[in-house]
Amino acid sequence: DSFDLVTAEGLAAVLQKDKWEPFIVECTRLLRPGGFLRLTEPYDWGVTNSVAIERIQELGTRMLWKLGYGFSVDGRSFGLAHALPSLLRKIGYINTKCQSYPVEFSFDQPAWVDYYHNYQSAYQQAKMIWVQAGLVTEEDFDQLYQQMIIDMNTDNFQGMATIFTVFGEKPA
């Protein structure tokens, strides 16, 4: 009952499906009546004109699903965009609202460097988990990864991601 705003972002690969509700309940405990909770998450990994990146992103989404992250029914998405507003209302939030934001990470755009480094680091770290889970062979991953690096460094690389924010107000 102390804070006017609690905000969190990028928890899609941090909170498993069964941890979201307790997390939101804890955020609610911290908020004063009339305070706001703001959750910002990726709608997906984004879409690109690179076959390699699209395949790597598919592997990442399926792995998260296999490990119990998100609310997807089949592992083709994170499944957060449709689940979080309902979850806030279930917990008692009022005046819930959603907003989406496009982020272009094409080669010549400011967000490119962040996406490039994030993809480069995250996917390299995920490699052995994906291999051990049987989603991809080490050789196939290495080929996809190298092609991703090549594709993202061409001047015709195009990428667009969508981030969404869910707002809710704690009742007075």
C-alpha atoms as a PDB file:
ATOM      1  CA  ASP A   1       0.000   0.000   0.000  1.00  0.00           C
ATOM      2  CA  SER A   2       2.907   2.390  -0.618  1.00  0.00           C
ATOM      3  CA  PHE A   3       3.546   3.009  -4.309  1.00  0.00           C
ATOM      4  CA  ASP A   4       1.652   4.972  -6.953  1.00  0.00           C
ATOM      5  CA  LEU A   5       3.153   2.923  -9.782  1.00  0.00           C
ATOM      6  CA  VAL A   6       4.715  -0.496 -10.113  1.00  0.00           C
ATOM      7  CA  THR A   7       6.193  -1.190 -13.523  1.00  0.00           C
ATOM      8  CA  ALA A   8       7.855  -4.281 -14.936  1.00  0.00           C
ATOM      9  CA  GLU A   9       9.000  -5.219 -18.398  1.00  0.00           C
ATOM     10  CA  GLY A  10      10.601  -8.034 -20.290  1.00  0.00           C
ATOM     11  CA  LEU A  11       9.483 -10.872 -18.024  1.00  0.00           C
ATOM     12  CA  ALA A  12       8.314 -13.173 -20.845  1.00  0.00           C
ATOM     13  CA  ALA A  13      11.360 -15.423 -20.447  1.00  0.00           C
ATOM     14  CA  VAL A  14      11.680 -14.908 -16.687  1.00  0.00           C
ATOM     15  CA  LEU A  15       8.261 -15.765 -15.240  1.00  0.00           C
ATOM     16  CA  GLN A  16       6.782 -19.158 -15.960  1.00  0.00           C
ATOM     17  CA  LYS A  17       3.044 -19.342 -16.583  1.00  0.00           C
ATOM     18  CA  ASP A  18       2.199 -20.331 -13.007  1.00  0.00           C
ATOM     19  CA  LYS A  19       4.319 -17.488 -11.556  1.00  0.00           C
ATOM     20  CA  TRP A  20       2.508 -14.588 -13.228  1.00  0.00           C
ATOM     21  CA  GLU A  21      -0.480 -14.533 -10.884  1.00  0.00           C
ATOM     22  CA  PRO A  22       1.603 -14.572  -7.656  1.00  0.00           C
ATOM     23  CA  PHE A  23       3.847 -11.888  -9.168  1.00  0.00           C
ATOM     24  CA  ILE A  24       0.874  -9.641  -9.951  1.00  0.00           C
ATOM     25  CA  VAL A  25      -0.594 -10.282  -6.489  1.00  0.00           C
ATOM     26  CA  GLU A  26       2.720  -9.135  -4.967  1.00  0.00           C
ATOM     27  CA  CYS A  27       2.729  -6.028  -7.175  1.00  0.00           C
ATOM     28  CA  THR A  28      -0.820  -5.338  -5.986  1.00  0.00           C
ATOM     29  CA  ARG A  29       0.289  -5.582  -2.358  1.00  0.00           C
ATOM     30  CA  LEU A  30       2.905  -2.901  -3.004  1.00  0.00           C
ATOM     31  CA  LEU A  31       0.472  -0.491  -4.667  1.00  0.00           C
ATOM     32  CA  ARG A  32      -1.599   2.001  -2.737  1.00  0.00           C
ATOM     33  CA  PRO A  33      -5.338   1.998  -3.529  1.00  0.00           C
ATOM     34  CA  GLY A  34      -5.724   3.879  -6.810  1.00  0.00           C
ATOM     35  CA  GLY A  35      -2.145   3.021  -7.824  1.00  0.00           C
ATOM     36  CA  PHE A  36      -1.240   1.604 -11.223  1.00  0.00           C
ATOM     37  CA  LEU A  37       0.458  -1.540 -12.425  1.00  0.00           C
ATOM     38  CA  ARG A  38       2.169  -1.331 -15.820  1.00  0.00           C
ATOM     39  CA  LEU A  39       3.483  -4.474 -17.533  1.00  0.00           C
ATOM     40  CA  THR A  40       5.372  -4.163 -20.824  1.00  0.00           C
ATOM     41  CA  GLU A  41       6.181  -7.315 -22.771  1.00  0.00           C
ATOM     42  CA  PRO A  42       7.091  -8.358 -26.294  1.00  0.00           C
ATOM     43  CA  TYR A  43       4.187  -9.516 -28.395  1.00  0.00           C
ATOM     44  CA  ASP A  44       6.655 -11.792 -30.149  1.00  0.00           C
ATOM     45  CA  TRP A  45      10.302 -11.799 -31.178  1.00  0.00           C
ATOM     46  CA  GLY A  46       9.468  -9.651 -34.167  1.00  0.00           C
ATOM     47  CA  VAL A  47       9.343 -10.400 -37.874  1.00  0.00           C
ATOM     48  CA  THR A  48      12.182 -10.032 -40.342  1.00  0.00           C
ATOM     49  CA  ASN A  49      13.125 -10.727 -43.924  1.00  0.00           C
ATOM     50  CA  SER A  50      15.677 -13.324 -42.755  1.00  0.00           C
ATOM     51  CA  VAL A  51      14.747 -17.006 -42.990  1.00  0.00           C
ATOM     52  CA  ALA A  52      17.475 -17.822 -40.451  1.00  0.00           C
ATOM     53  CA  ILE A  53      16.156 -15.375 -37.866  1.00  0.00           C
ATOM     54  CA  GLU A  54      12.584 -16.524 -38.364  1.00  0.00           C
ATOM     55  CA  ARG A  55      13.672 -20.118 -37.747  1.00  0.00           C
ATOM     56  CA  ILE A  56      15.739 -19.199 -34.668  1.00  0.00           C
ATOM     57  CA  GLN A  57      12.838 -17.204 -33.263  1.00  0.00           C
ATOM     58  CA  GLU A  58      10.528 -20.163 -33.803  1.00  0.00           C
ATOM     59  CA  LEU A  59      12.972 -22.364 -31.863  1.00  0.00           C
ATOM     60  CA  GLY A  60      13.102 -19.823 -29.044  1.00  0.00           C
ATOM     61  CA  THR A  61       9.334 -19.573 -28.778  1.00  0.00           C
ATOM     62  CA  ARG A  62       8.906 -23.350 -28.747  1.00  0.00           C
ATOM     63  CA  MET A  63      11.622 -23.749 -26.110  1.00  0.00           C
ATOM     64  CA  LEU A  64      10.019 -21.179 -23.819  1.00  0.00           C
ATOM     65  CA  TRP A  65       6.704 -22.986 -24.241  1.00  0.00           C
ATOM     66  CA  LYS A  66       8.298 -26.351 -23.444  1.00  0.00           C
ATOM     67  CA  LEU A  67       9.765 -24.852 -20.283  1.00  0.00           C
ATOM     68  CA  GLY A  68       6.395 -23.473 -19.174  1.00  0.00           C
ATOM     69  CA  TYR A  69       6.743 -19.802 -20.070  1.00  0.00           C
ATOM     70  CA  GLY A  70       3.909 -17.743 -21.501  1.00  0.00           C
ATOM     71  CA  PHE A  71       0.293 -18.632 -22.116  1.00  0.00           C
ATOM     72  CA  SER A  72       0.487 -20.004 -25.656  1.00  0.00           C
ATOM     73  CA  VAL A  73      -1.736 -22.999 -26.350  1.00  0.00           C
ATOM     74  CA  ASP A  74       0.696 -24.538 -28.831  1.00  0.00           C
ATOM     75  CA  GLY A  75       4.109 -22.889 -28.536  1.00  0.00           C
ATOM     76  CA  ARG A  76       3.783 -20.664 -31.595  1.00  0.00           C
ATOM     77  CA  SER A  77       3.653 -17.450 -29.556  1.00  0.00           C
ATOM     78  CA  PHE A  78       4.364 -16.089 -26.090  1.00  0.00           C
ATOM     79  CA  GLY A  79       0.626 -15.837 -25.502  1.00  0.00           C
ATOM     80  CA  LEU A  80       0.977 -12.903 -23.118  1.00  0.00           C
ATOM     81  CA  ALA A  81      -0.907 -10.217 -25.033  1.00  0.00           C
ATOM     82  CA  HIS A  82      -4.269 -11.881 -24.611  1.00  0.00           C
ATOM     83  CA  ALA A  83      -3.632 -13.336 -21.138  1.00  0.00           C
ATOM     84  CA  LEU A  84      -2.274 -10.427 -19.096  1.00  0.00           C
ATOM     85  CA  PRO A  85      -5.280  -8.068 -19.329  1.00  0.00           C
ATOM     86  CA  SER A  86      -7.610 -10.864 -18.204  1.00  0.00           C
ATOM     87  CA  LEU A  87      -5.234 -11.819 -15.416  1.00  0.00           C
ATOM     88  CA  LEU A  88      -5.171  -8.254 -14.097  1.00  0.00           C
ATOM     89  CA  ARG A  89      -8.975  -8.136 -14.094  1.00  0.00           C
ATOM     90  CA  LYS A  90      -9.144 -11.541 -12.379  1.00  0.00           C
ATOM     91  CA  ILE A  91      -6.950 -10.202  -9.578  1.00  0.00           C
ATOM     92  CA  GLY A  92      -9.247  -7.197  -9.231  1.00  0.00           C
ATOM     93  CA  TYR A  93      -7.714  -4.423 -11.297  1.00  0.00           C
ATOM     94  CA  ILE A  94     -10.036  -1.874 -12.829  1.00  0.00           C
ATOM     95  CA  ASN A  95      -9.699   0.431 -15.835  1.00  0.00           C
ATOM     96  CA  THR A  96      -7.374  -1.995 -17.598  1.00  0.00           C
ATOM     97  CA  LYS A  97      -5.990  -0.728 -20.878  1.00  0.00           C
ATOM     98  CA  CYS A  98      -3.627  -2.078 -23.516  1.00  0.00           C
ATOM     99  CA  GLN A  99      -1.316  -0.257 -25.858  1.00  0.00           C
ATOM    100  CA  SER A 100       1.025  -1.576 -28.560  1.00  0.00           C
ATOM    101  CA  TYR A 101       4.247  -0.065 -29.839  1.00  0.00           C
ATOM    102  CA  PRO A 102       6.042  -0.967 -33.051  1.00  0.00           C
ATOM    103  CA  VAL A 103       9.846  -1.058 -32.919  1.00  0.00           C
ATOM    104  CA  GLU A 104      11.634  -1.117 -36.237  1.00  0.00           C
ATOM    105  CA  PHE A 105      15.040  -2.756 -36.032  1.00  0.00           C
ATOM    106  CA  SER A 106      15.952  -2.702 -39.711  1.00  0.00           C
ATOM    107  CA  PHE A 107      19.645  -2.301 -40.555  1.00  0.00           C
ATOM    108  CA  ASP A 108      19.616   1.497 -40.780  1.00  0.00           C
ATOM    109  CA  GLN A 109      17.398   2.167 -37.751  1.00  0.00           C
ATOM    110  CA  PRO A 110      18.481   3.143 -34.203  1.00  0.00           C
ATOM    111  CA  ALA A 111      17.053  -0.014 -32.570  1.00  0.00           C
ATOM    112  CA  TRP A 112      19.093  -2.276 -34.871  1.00  0.00           C
ATOM    113  CA  VAL A 113      22.233  -2.268 -32.712  1.00  0.00           C
ATOM    114  CA  ASP A 114      20.310  -3.294 -29.570  1.00  0.00           C
ATOM    115  CA  TYR A 115      18.435  -6.069 -31.342  1.00  0.00           C
ATOM    116  CA  TYR A 116      21.620  -7.247 -33.026  1.00  0.00           C
ATOM    117  CA  HIS A 117      23.519  -7.529 -29.741  1.00  0.00           C
ATOM    118  CA  ASN A 118      20.535  -9.033 -27.907  1.00  0.00           C
ATOM    119  CA  TYR A 119      19.985 -11.665 -30.597  1.00  0.00           C
ATOM    120  CA  GLN A 120      23.695 -12.384 -30.835  1.00  0.00           C
ATOM    121  CA  SER A 121      24.052 -12.917 -27.086  1.00  0.00           C
ATOM    122  CA  ALA A 122      20.731 -14.559 -26.216  1.00  0.00           C
ATOM    123  CA  TYR A 123      20.724 -17.067 -29.037  1.00  0.00           C
ATOM    124  CA  GLN A 124      24.323 -18.091 -28.449  1.00  0.00           C
ATOM    125  CA  GLN A 125      23.515 -18.681 -24.780  1.00  0.00           C
ATOM    126  CA  ALA A 126      20.409 -20.697 -25.709  1.00  0.00           C
ATOM    127  CA  LYS A 127      22.234 -22.966 -28.142  1.00  0.00           C
ATOM    128  CA  MET A 128      22.995 -25.897 -25.845  1.00  0.00           C
ATOM    129  CA  ILE A 129      19.583 -25.792 -24.171  1.00  0.00           C
ATOM    130  CA  TRP A 130      17.918 -26.080 -27.579  1.00  0.00           C
ATOM    131  CA  VAL A 131      20.306 -28.830 -28.688  1.00  0.00           C
ATOM    132  CA  GLN A 132      19.780 -30.818 -25.469  1.00  0.00           C
ATOM    133  CA  ALA A 133      16.010 -30.426 -25.828  1.00  0.00           C
ATOM    134  CA  GLY A 134      16.203 -31.939 -29.310  1.00  0.00           C
ATOM    135  CA  LEU A 135      14.838 -28.848 -31.058  1.00  0.00           C
ATOM    136  CA  VAL A 136      17.878 -28.484 -33.326  1.00  0.00           C
ATOM    137  CA  THR A 137      21.234 -30.118 -33.938  1.00  0.00           C
ATOM    138  CA  GLU A 138      24.387 -28.242 -33.019  1.00  0.00           C
ATOM    139  CA  GLU A 139      25.390 -28.082 -36.694  1.00  0.00           C
ATOM    140  CA  ASP A 140      21.997 -26.759 -37.812  1.00  0.00           C
ATOM    141  CA  PHE A 141      22.026 -24.157 -35.048  1.00  0.00           C
ATOM    142  CA  ASP A 142      25.533 -22.994 -36.008  1.00  0.00           C
ATOM    143  CA  GLN A 143      24.432 -22.582 -39.639  1.00  0.00           C
ATOM    144  CA  LEU A 144      21.317 -20.632 -38.633  1.00  0.00           C
ATOM    145  CA  TYR A 145      23.288 -18.470 -36.231  1.00  0.00           C
ATOM    146  CA  GLN A 146      25.969 -17.607 -38.791  1.00  0.00           C
ATOM    147  CA  GLN A 147      23.318 -16.808 -41.393  1.00  0.00           C
ATOM    148  CA  MET A 148      21.510 -14.613 -38.854  1.00  0.00           C
ATOM    149  CA  ILE A 149      24.719 -12.612 -38.304  1.00  0.00           C
ATOM    150  CA  ILE A 150      25.214 -12.239 -42.052  1.00  0.00           C
ATOM    151  CA  ASP A 151      21.587 -11.291 -42.685  1.00  0.00           C
ATOM    152  CA  MET A 152      21.431  -8.673 -39.934  1.00  0.00           C
ATOM    153  CA  ASN A 153      24.573  -7.012 -41.285  1.00  0.00           C
ATOM    154  CA  THR A 154      23.272  -6.496 -44.802  1.00  0.00           C
ATOM    155  CA  ASP A 155      21.908  -3.101 -45.728  1.00  0.00           C
ATOM    156  CA  ASN A 156      18.624  -4.662 -46.886  1.00  0.00           C
ATOM    157  CA  PHE A 157      17.869  -6.314 -43.519  1.00  0.00           C
ATOM    158  CA  GLN A 158      14.374  -5.460 -42.286  1.00  0.00           C
ATOM    159  CA  GLY A 159      12.896  -6.143 -38.864  1.00  0.00           C
ATOM    160  CA  MET A 160       9.851  -5.050 -36.903  1.00  0.00           C
ATOM    161  CA  ALA A 161       8.832  -6.027 -33.383  1.00  0.00           C
ATOM    162  CA  THR A 162       5.735  -5.185 -31.385  1.00  0.00           C
ATOM    163  CA  ILE A 163       5.815  -4.434 -27.699  1.00  0.00           C
ATOM    164  CA  PHE A 164       2.620  -4.085 -25.703  1.00  0.00           C
ATOM    165  CA  THR A 165       1.819  -2.523 -22.357  1.00  0.00           C
ATOM    166  CA  VAL A 166      -1.033  -3.504 -20.072  1.00  0.00           C
ATOM    167  CA  PHE A 167      -2.144  -0.952 -17.469  1.00  0.00           C
ATOM    168  CA  GLY A 168      -4.398  -1.622 -14.514  1.00  0.00           C
ATOM    169  CA  GLU A 169      -5.581   0.394 -11.547  1.00  0.00           C
ATOM    170  CA  LYS A 170      -5.790  -1.051  -8.041  1.00  0.00           C
ATOM    171  CA  PRO A 171      -9.280  -0.334  -6.717  1.00  0.00           C
ATOM    172  CA  ALA A 172      -9.569   2.313  -4.003  1.00  0.00           C
END
